[in-house]
Amino acid sequence: MKLKNRISDAATILAILAKQSGLLLALICFFVNISNAQKVITEPSILDLSLLNKQKKSLDASDLTLKAAYQKLLKSADKSLSFGPVSVMEKKDVPPSGSKHDYMSLAPYHWPDPSKKEGLPYMRKDGETNPEVKLYKDKEYLPSLCEHLILLSIAHHFSGKDVYANHAMKLVKVWFLDTATRMNPNMNFAQAIKGVNQGRGAGLIDARHLIKAIEAISLLLANKAVSKEEQAALQQWFADFLNWMQTSKIGKEELKAPNNHGAWYDALRLSIALYTKQLPEARAIVNNAQKRLTTQMDPSGRFPLEMARTTSFHYSVFVVDAFLKIAAMSKKINLDFWGFTAANGNSLPKAVDTLLPYLNKQKAWDGPQIKPFNDQEAIPILSIAATQFNHQKALDWLVANSASHPDNMFTYLLTLNDF
């Protein structure tokens, strides 16, 4: 069955997908913004609050598909209640600043050089993760924290149960606000390379998970689970982090990154600018992202710097994910990043269309890929393309592949990876 190219009604698409493909694919639309309304910024910036409210009413109306999803949601959220709180203060090593409040991590693809004394300086093995990075708990804690926050905030929205909001805010306050445990708003010591540096611009990629935290906090705020004082303090923390991103030597280094790092830098900047109500700055960031798309993509719709990686399929999807998040957020300030076509013909639809034959296995991936590609990595970009921007082929892929996805895909979707 073919769906119309333009999809505007959330309930209709949810029902159709549920009939065609079962609960799991329907959940894609359950948690993704599919409203076409152009708004001057609402909170959150990626989640569609009006859609979530509509789905909540459908739950009240005994929609069986949504009720099944709701029960899975609460089951997962209940597990999140046992997470944390966690803090940057828990790491064993002390950053060069002398303060454990500073975030610290190790470059994942750098290893001891066996030909050098003490292995220094570390050498690069692209795509091969040094297990030593697991000793740096900040990098483990931050993504986990953000994933649990978004899950708890959605569970609170649909259930109205304060236990979810209370635990989410406990996690937020320990990581961002409490004097004894808070993270300083910088990443001066992220992804350090031993024997080379104490931190680097590329380490800012660790911070992309903060987009999830902002979405969660914004949803909690919309449901009156964040006090005015807490909101003011959180906005100040993120404003300070954005200022650090744009004024520090390391932040400026990442601004110049010509690959996925630069795209994620802009995605995070845009998320923070919208959250802190810096709308002129947000528009400037979208404009900068358009320039990135113009220069990073080649005429074939590929991204050469991602194709040069040892896991090129992963990174090709990864960079498109960043641009699609920018496109979704851009709608909140009435900017059409999805509809943008550069003078050289580059566009987001072209990027998605280029990937689809490989995701559909109509073509074998012809770039380096030293690790098997998990097609669940495609769900984030295809969910946004299908539901926010009415991309028919992306929707067809989701329908065709829904039956083969394992049950744990639901957890994957709930962690904001599909936003």
Protein backbone atom coordinates (compact mmCIF):
# COMPACT_ATOMS: atom_id res chain seq x y z
CA MET A 1 0.00 0.00 0.00
CA LYS A 2 1.39 3.40 -0.96
CA LEU A 3 0.87 6.41 1.24
CA LYS A 4 0.35 9.91 -0.04
CA ASN A 5 3.48 11.97 -0.29
CA ARG A 6 2.21 14.59 2.10
CA ILE A 7 1.34 13.40 5.59
CA SER A 8 -0.21 15.88 7.95
CA ASP A 9 -2.28 13.96 10.46
CA ALA A 10 -0.40 12.14 13.21
CA ALA A 11 -3.23 9.82 14.16
CA THR A 12 -3.80 8.74 10.56
CA ILE A 13 -0.21 7.79 9.86
CA LEU A 14 0.09 6.05 13.21
CA ALA A 15 -2.96 3.91 12.49
CA ILE A 16 -1.80 3.04 8.97
CA LEU A 17 1.68 2.07 10.12
CA ALA A 18 0.27 0.02 12.97
CA LYS A 19 -1.89 -1.99 10.56
CA GLN A 20 0.90 -2.48 8.02
CA SER A 21 3.84 -3.12 10.25
CA GLY A 22 2.83 -3.69 13.84
CA LEU A 23 3.54 -1.80 16.99
CA LEU A 24 7.26 -1.13 16.66
CA LEU A 25 7.13 0.92 13.51
CA ALA A 26 4.09 2.78 14.79
CA LEU A 27 6.21 3.85 17.73
CA ILE A 28 8.50 5.72 15.37
CA CYS A 29 5.73 8.19 14.74
CA PHE A 30 4.69 8.07 18.37
CA PHE A 31 7.89 9.81 19.40
CA VAL A 32 8.84 11.85 16.33
CA ASN A 33 7.54 15.27 15.37
CA ILE A 34 5.29 14.90 12.34
CA SER A 35 3.50 18.19 12.56
CA ASN A 36 3.91 20.49 9.57
CA ALA A 37 2.87 23.59 11.48
CA GLN A 38 5.35 26.44 11.38
CA LYS A 39 5.79 27.95 14.80
CA VAL A 40 7.89 30.71 16.26
CA ILE A 41 9.68 28.29 18.68
CA THR A 42 7.97 26.08 21.17
CA GLU A 43 9.53 23.89 23.76
CA PRO A 44 10.99 21.35 23.19
CA SER A 45 12.80 22.08 19.93
CA ILE A 46 12.65 18.63 18.35
CA LEU A 47 9.82 16.91 20.15
CA ASP A 48 6.43 18.24 19.08
CA LEU A 49 4.50 19.07 22.24
CA SER A 50 1.20 19.42 20.39
CA LEU A 51 1.64 15.95 18.91
CA LEU A 52 2.51 14.45 22.29
CA ASN A 53 -0.61 16.03 23.76
CA LYS A 54 -2.68 14.62 20.92
CA GLN A 55 -1.28 11.15 21.49
CA LYS A 56 -1.99 11.47 25.20
CA LYS A 57 -5.65 12.11 24.38
CA SER A 58 -5.62 9.04 22.15
CA LEU A 59 -4.44 7.03 25.14
CA ASP A 60 -7.38 8.34 27.13
CA ALA A 61 -9.64 7.24 24.27
CA SER A 62 -8.47 3.64 24.67
CA ASP A 63 -6.34 3.48 21.53
CA LEU A 64 -5.05 -0.10 21.84
CA THR A 65 -1.89 0.46 19.81
CA LEU A 66 -0.85 3.41 21.91
CA LYS A 67 -1.77 1.64 25.12
CA ALA A 68 0.60 -1.19 24.24
CA ALA A 69 3.33 1.34 23.52
CA TYR A 70 2.52 3.14 26.74
CA GLN A 71 3.01 -0.01 28.80
CA LYS A 72 6.41 -0.60 27.16
CA LEU A 73 7.28 3.01 27.87
CA LEU A 74 6.51 2.71 31.58
CA LYS A 75 8.37 -0.59 31.84
CA SER A 76 11.49 1.04 30.39
CA ALA A 77 11.07 4.19 32.48
CA ASP A 78 10.76 2.11 35.64
CA LYS A 79 14.23 0.73 34.92
CA SER A 80 15.52 4.28 34.55
CA LEU A 81 14.43 5.01 38.11
CA SER A 82 17.36 2.89 39.29
CA PHE A 83 19.91 4.86 37.26
CA GLY A 84 22.20 7.29 39.05
CA PRO A 85 22.48 9.98 40.01
CA VAL A 86 25.90 10.25 38.40
CA SER A 87 28.45 13.04 38.52
CA VAL A 88 31.72 14.12 36.95
CA MET A 89 33.13 13.98 40.47
CA GLU A 90 33.12 10.16 40.40
CA LYS A 91 36.09 9.78 38.05
CA LYS A 92 39.40 8.63 39.47
CA ASP A 93 41.71 10.83 37.39
CA VAL A 94 41.91 14.56 37.97
CA PRO A 95 41.86 16.82 34.87
CA PRO A 96 44.88 19.08 34.23
CA SER A 97 42.89 21.98 35.70
CA GLY A 98 42.99 20.29 39.08
CA SER A 99 39.19 20.20 39.29
CA LYS A 100 37.11 17.06 38.88
CA HIS A 101 34.21 19.35 37.99
CA ASP A 102 35.76 19.57 34.51
CA TYR A 103 34.65 16.91 32.03
CA MET A 104 37.44 14.58 30.92
CA SER A 105 37.70 11.83 28.31
CA LEU A 106 40.20 10.03 26.12
CA ALA A 107 40.32 9.97 22.31
CA PRO A 108 38.71 6.62 21.44
CA TYR A 109 40.74 5.76 18.35
CA HIS A 110 44.20 6.35 19.81
CA TRP A 111 46.37 3.59 21.23
CA PRO A 112 49.80 3.24 22.88
CA ASP A 113 52.56 3.13 20.28
CA PRO A 114 54.41 -0.17 20.85
CA SER A 115 57.56 1.26 19.27
CA LYS A 116 57.80 4.15 21.76
CA LYS A 117 58.82 4.33 25.39
CA GLU A 118 55.72 4.14 27.58
CA GLY A 119 53.71 4.07 24.35
CA LEU A 120 53.80 7.84 23.98
CA PRO A 121 52.63 9.64 21.99
CA TYR A 122 49.54 7.56 21.31
CA MET A 123 48.95 6.52 17.71
CA ARG A 124 45.68 6.61 15.74
CA LYS A 125 43.80 3.48 14.64
CA ASP A 126 40.66 4.83 13.02
CA GLY A 127 37.52 2.93 13.92
CA GLU A 128 39.24 0.79 16.56
CA THR A 129 38.21 1.79 20.08
CA ASN A 130 40.86 1.65 22.78
CA PRO A 131 39.26 -0.05 25.82
CA GLU A 132 41.17 2.39 28.01
CA VAL A 133 38.47 4.97 27.25
CA LYS A 134 36.12 3.07 29.58
CA LEU A 135 38.28 4.12 32.52
CA TYR A 136 37.12 7.69 31.96
CA LYS A 137 33.63 7.58 33.44
CA ASP A 138 32.50 11.02 32.27
CA LYS A 139 32.20 9.76 28.71
CA GLU A 140 30.22 6.74 29.90
CA TYR A 141 27.95 8.71 32.21
CA LEU A 142 26.97 11.62 29.97
CA PRO A 143 25.24 9.68 27.16
CA SER A 144 23.57 7.34 29.65
CA LEU A 145 22.34 10.28 31.68
CA CYS A 146 20.84 11.99 28.65
CA GLU A 147 19.15 8.82 27.42
CA HIS A 148 17.52 8.18 30.78
CA LEU A 149 16.43 11.81 31.02
CA ILE A 150 14.51 11.73 27.75
CA LEU A 151 12.88 8.43 28.68
CA LEU A 152 11.82 9.68 32.11
CA SER A 153 10.50 12.96 30.72
CA ILE A 154 8.32 11.22 28.13
CA ALA A 155 7.05 8.74 30.72
CA HIS A 156 6.12 11.64 32.99
CA HIS A 157 4.35 13.44 30.17
CA PHE A 158 2.10 10.50 29.37
CA SER A 159 1.57 9.10 32.86
CA GLY A 160 1.51 12.26 34.94
CA LYS A 161 3.39 10.30 37.61
CA ASP A 162 5.67 12.58 39.58
CA VAL A 163 8.08 9.75 40.34
CA TYR A 164 9.50 10.02 36.81
CA ALA A 165 9.85 13.79 36.84
CA ASN A 166 11.30 13.80 40.34
CA HIS A 167 14.01 11.31 39.43
CA ALA A 168 14.77 13.11 36.18
CA MET A 169 15.23 16.40 37.99
CA LYS A 170 17.37 14.70 40.62
CA LEU A 171 19.67 13.53 37.83
CA VAL A 172 19.66 16.99 36.25
CA LYS A 173 20.49 18.81 39.46
CA VAL A 174 23.38 16.50 40.36
CA TRP A 175 25.01 16.77 36.91
CA PHE A 176 24.33 20.42 36.08
CA LEU A 177 23.45 22.44 39.17
CA ASP A 178 24.51 21.20 42.62
CA THR A 179 27.66 22.96 43.77
CA ALA A 180 29.34 19.82 45.04
CA THR A 181 28.70 17.65 41.97
CA ARG A 182 28.04 19.84 38.92
CA MET A 183 29.96 19.71 35.68
CA ASN A 184 31.68 22.94 34.74
CA PRO A 185 30.24 24.26 31.44
CA ASN A 186 33.23 23.39 29.26
CA MET A 187 34.94 20.44 27.60
CA ASN A 188 38.51 21.64 27.74
CA PHE A 189 39.78 18.13 28.44
CA ALA A 190 37.60 16.03 26.16
CA GLN A 191 39.12 13.29 23.99
CA ALA A 192 42.70 13.97 24.97
CA ILE A 193 45.47 12.14 23.11
CA LYS A 194 48.11 10.98 25.56
CA GLY A 195 51.51 12.39 24.78
CA VAL A 196 49.98 14.95 22.39
CA ASN A 197 47.44 17.16 24.15
CA GLN A 198 45.22 17.56 27.20
CA GLY A 199 42.05 17.96 25.15
CA ARG A 200 41.02 18.93 21.64
CA GLY A 201 38.24 20.38 19.55
CA ALA A 202 37.23 16.95 18.31
CA GLY A 203 36.30 16.12 21.89
CA LEU A 204 33.24 18.32 21.58
CA ILE A 205 31.55 15.45 19.75
CA ASP A 206 31.03 13.99 23.25
CA ALA A 207 28.72 16.92 23.98
CA ARG A 208 26.20 16.10 21.25
CA HIS A 209 24.25 14.06 23.80
CA LEU A 210 23.32 17.32 25.53
CA ILE A 211 20.72 17.79 22.79
CA LYS A 212 18.80 14.96 24.43
CA ALA A 213 19.13 16.54 27.87
CA ILE A 214 17.78 19.83 26.56
CA GLU A 215 14.78 18.10 24.99
CA ALA A 216 14.07 16.27 28.24
CA ILE A 217 14.39 19.37 30.40
CA SER A 218 12.16 21.31 28.02
CA LEU A 219 9.46 18.64 28.15
CA LEU A 220 9.65 18.57 31.94
CA LEU A 221 9.36 22.35 31.95
CA ALA A 222 6.28 22.20 29.74
CA ASN A 223 4.74 19.85 32.29
CA LYS A 224 5.57 22.18 35.18
CA ALA A 225 8.15 19.84 36.67
CA VAL A 226 10.94 22.43 36.62
CA SER A 227 10.85 25.42 38.95
CA LYS A 228 11.56 28.94 37.74
CA GLU A 229 14.77 28.94 39.75
CA GLU A 230 15.90 25.64 38.29
CA GLN A 231 15.05 26.76 34.77
CA ALA A 232 16.99 30.00 35.19
CA ALA A 233 20.01 28.12 36.52
CA LEU A 234 19.87 25.57 33.71
CA GLN A 235 19.52 28.22 31.03
CA GLN A 236 22.54 29.97 32.53
CA TRP A 237 24.56 26.74 32.50
CA PHE A 238 23.77 26.11 28.85
CA ALA A 239 24.32 29.75 27.91
CA ASP A 240 27.75 29.54 29.54
CA PHE A 241 28.48 26.32 27.68
CA LEU A 242 27.47 27.89 24.36
CA ASN A 243 29.67 30.89 25.11
CA TRP A 244 32.56 28.54 25.82
CA MET A 245 31.89 26.68 22.56
CA GLN A 246 32.06 29.88 20.55
CA THR A 247 34.88 31.73 22.30
CA SER A 248 37.38 29.12 23.54
CA LYS A 249 40.35 27.95 21.49
CA ILE A 250 39.04 24.39 21.53
CA GLY A 251 35.52 25.45 20.60
CA LYS A 252 36.75 27.55 17.70
CA GLU A 253 38.82 24.59 16.54
CA GLU A 254 35.69 22.45 16.30
CA LEU A 255 33.79 25.24 14.55
CA LYS A 256 36.22 24.81 11.67
CA ALA A 257 35.79 21.02 11.47
CA PRO A 258 34.86 20.20 7.83
CA ASN A 259 33.23 16.84 8.59
CA ASN A 260 30.55 15.34 10.87
CA HIS A 261 32.16 17.08 13.83
CA GLY A 262 31.30 20.47 12.38
CA ALA A 263 27.74 19.40 11.65
CA TRP A 264 27.22 18.13 15.19
CA TYR A 265 28.82 21.30 16.55
CA ASP A 266 26.12 23.31 14.79
CA ALA A 267 23.36 20.91 15.87
CA LEU A 268 24.33 21.33 19.52
CA ARG A 269 24.78 25.09 19.18
CA LEU A 270 21.34 25.38 17.63
CA SER A 271 19.73 23.29 20.37
CA ILE A 272 21.27 25.47 23.07
CA ALA A 273 20.48 28.73 21.28
CA LEU A 274 16.82 27.75 21.01
CA TYR A 275 16.67 26.61 24.63
CA THR A 276 18.22 29.85 25.87
CA LYS A 277 16.04 31.96 23.54
CA GLN A 278 18.95 33.36 21.52
CA LEU A 279 16.94 33.42 18.31
CA PRO A 280 19.18 35.69 16.18
CA GLU A 281 22.07 33.39 17.09
CA ALA A 282 19.95 30.37 16.16
CA ARG A 283 19.26 31.78 12.71
CA ALA A 284 22.96 32.48 12.19
CA ILE A 285 23.76 28.88 13.12
CA VAL A 286 21.27 27.53 10.57
CA ASN A 287 22.87 29.74 7.94
CA ASN A 288 26.28 28.34 8.87
CA ALA A 289 24.94 24.79 8.64
CA GLN A 290 23.74 25.51 5.10
CA LYS A 291 27.28 26.49 4.21
CA ARG A 292 28.54 23.24 5.71
CA LEU A 293 26.11 21.19 3.63
CA THR A 294 27.25 23.07 0.55
CA THR A 295 30.92 22.23 1.10
CA GLN A 296 30.80 18.82 2.81
CA MET A 297 28.70 16.97 0.23
CA ASP A 298 29.94 16.06 -3.24
CA PRO A 299 27.84 16.09 -6.46
CA SER A 300 26.90 12.44 -5.96
CA GLY A 301 25.27 13.15 -2.59
CA ARG A 302 28.09 11.62 -0.58
CA PHE A 303 30.36 13.12 2.06
CA PRO A 304 33.99 12.52 1.01
CA LEU A 305 35.49 13.02 4.46
CA GLU A 306 33.12 10.44 5.89
CA MET A 307 33.79 8.07 2.98
CA ALA A 308 37.49 8.19 3.88
CA ARG A 309 36.83 6.69 7.31
CA THR A 310 37.33 3.01 8.08
CA THR A 311 33.64 2.80 9.03
CA SER A 312 32.40 4.99 6.20
CA PHE A 313 28.82 3.68 6.13
CA HIS A 314 28.39 4.54 9.81
CA TYR A 315 29.86 8.01 9.43
CA SER A 316 27.87 8.74 6.27
CA VAL A 317 24.68 8.07 8.20
CA PHE A 318 26.03 9.87 11.27
CA VAL A 319 26.65 13.16 9.46
CA VAL A 320 23.21 13.11 7.80
CA ASP A 321 21.70 12.53 11.25
CA ALA A 322 23.27 15.79 12.47
CA PHE A 323 21.98 17.76 9.49
CA LEU A 324 18.48 16.31 9.86
CA LYS A 325 18.37 17.32 13.52
CA ILE A 326 19.32 20.82 12.42
CA ALA A 327 16.52 20.72 9.86
CA ALA A 328 13.99 19.63 12.49
CA MET A 329 15.03 22.39 14.88
CA SER A 330 15.10 24.98 12.09
CA LYS A 331 11.35 24.58 11.66
CA LYS A 332 10.89 26.13 15.10
CA ILE A 333 12.19 29.45 13.80
CA ASN A 334 10.43 29.19 10.45
CA LEU A 335 13.54 28.26 8.47
CA ASP A 336 13.35 25.52 5.84
CA PHE A 337 16.68 23.72 6.03
CA TRP A 338 15.17 20.58 4.48
CA GLY A 339 14.04 22.59 1.47
CA PHE A 340 17.38 24.35 1.10
CA THR A 341 19.26 23.59 -2.11
CA ALA A 342 22.75 24.99 -2.49
CA ALA A 343 23.95 26.60 -5.69
CA ASN A 344 25.93 23.42 -6.40
CA GLY A 345 22.80 21.27 -6.00
CA ASN A 346 23.53 19.91 -2.55
CA SER A 347 20.49 19.26 -0.35
CA LEU A 348 19.35 17.04 2.50
CA PRO A 349 16.83 15.11 0.36
CA LYS A 350 19.70 14.32 -1.99
CA ALA A 351 21.76 13.00 0.92
CA VAL A 352 18.92 10.74 2.08
CA ASP A 353 18.20 9.54 -1.46
CA THR A 354 21.87 8.66 -1.92
CA LEU A 355 21.92 6.46 1.18
CA LEU A 356 18.63 4.65 0.58
CA PRO A 357 19.78 2.14 -2.10
CA TYR A 358 22.50 0.95 0.27
CA LEU A 359 20.14 0.79 3.23
CA ASN A 360 17.69 -1.14 1.05
CA LYS A 361 20.55 -3.44 0.05
CA GLN A 362 19.81 -2.70 -3.58
CA LYS A 363 23.50 -1.78 -3.76
CA ALA A 364 26.44 -3.11 -1.77
CA TRP A 365 28.24 -0.42 0.21
CA ASP A 366 31.40 0.39 -1.70
CA GLY A 367 33.33 2.28 0.96
CA PRO A 368 35.55 1.09 3.82
CA GLN A 369 33.61 -0.57 6.66
CA ILE A 370 35.76 -2.59 9.04
CA LYS A 371 32.79 -3.30 11.31
CA PRO A 372 29.35 -4.64 10.31
CA PHE A 373 26.83 -1.87 9.76
CA ASN A 374 23.73 -2.14 11.94
CA ASP A 375 20.77 -0.90 9.91
CA GLN A 376 19.13 0.38 13.08
CA GLU A 377 21.56 3.26 12.72
CA ALA A 378 19.41 4.36 9.79
CA ILE A 379 16.25 4.72 11.88
CA PRO A 380 17.12 8.23 13.17
CA ILE A 381 17.52 9.79 9.74
CA LEU A 382 14.72 7.91 8.03
CA SER A 383 12.28 8.61 10.86
CA ILE A 384 12.85 12.33 10.57
CA ALA A 385 12.85 12.29 6.77
CA ALA A 386 9.61 10.30 6.63
CA THR A 387 7.59 11.93 9.36
CA GLN A 388 8.81 15.50 9.47
CA PHE A 389 9.55 15.98 5.80
CA ASN A 390 7.19 13.52 4.07
CA HIS A 391 9.93 11.53 2.36
CA GLN A 392 8.02 8.63 0.80
CA LYS A 393 10.99 6.33 0.14
CA ALA A 394 12.21 6.73 3.70
CA LEU A 395 8.76 5.78 4.93
CA ASP A 396 8.71 2.80 2.57
CA TRP A 397 12.01 1.61 4.06
CA LEU A 398 10.64 1.86 7.59
CA VAL A 399 7.52 -0.09 6.63
CA ALA A 400 9.46 -2.76 4.76
CA ASN A 401 12.01 -3.31 7.52
CA SER A 402 9.84 -3.06 10.61
CA ALA A 403 9.18 -6.79 10.89
CA SER A 404 12.88 -7.64 11.07
CA HIS A 405 13.70 -5.26 13.92
CA PRO A 406 14.27 -6.87 17.32
CA ASP A 407 12.20 -5.96 20.34
CA ASN A 408 14.99 -3.82 21.76
CA MET A 409 14.40 -1.34 18.93
CA PHE A 410 11.74 0.18 21.14
CA THR A 411 14.35 1.06 23.74
CA TYR A 412 16.52 2.46 20.97
CA LEU A 413 13.71 4.73 19.81
CA LEU A 414 13.03 5.97 23.31
CA THR A 415 16.59 7.16 23.79
CA LEU A 416 16.10 10.09 21.41
CA ASN A 417 18.30 8.49 18.76
CA ASP A 418 15.40 8.76 16.35
CA PHE A 419 14.88 12.51 16.90
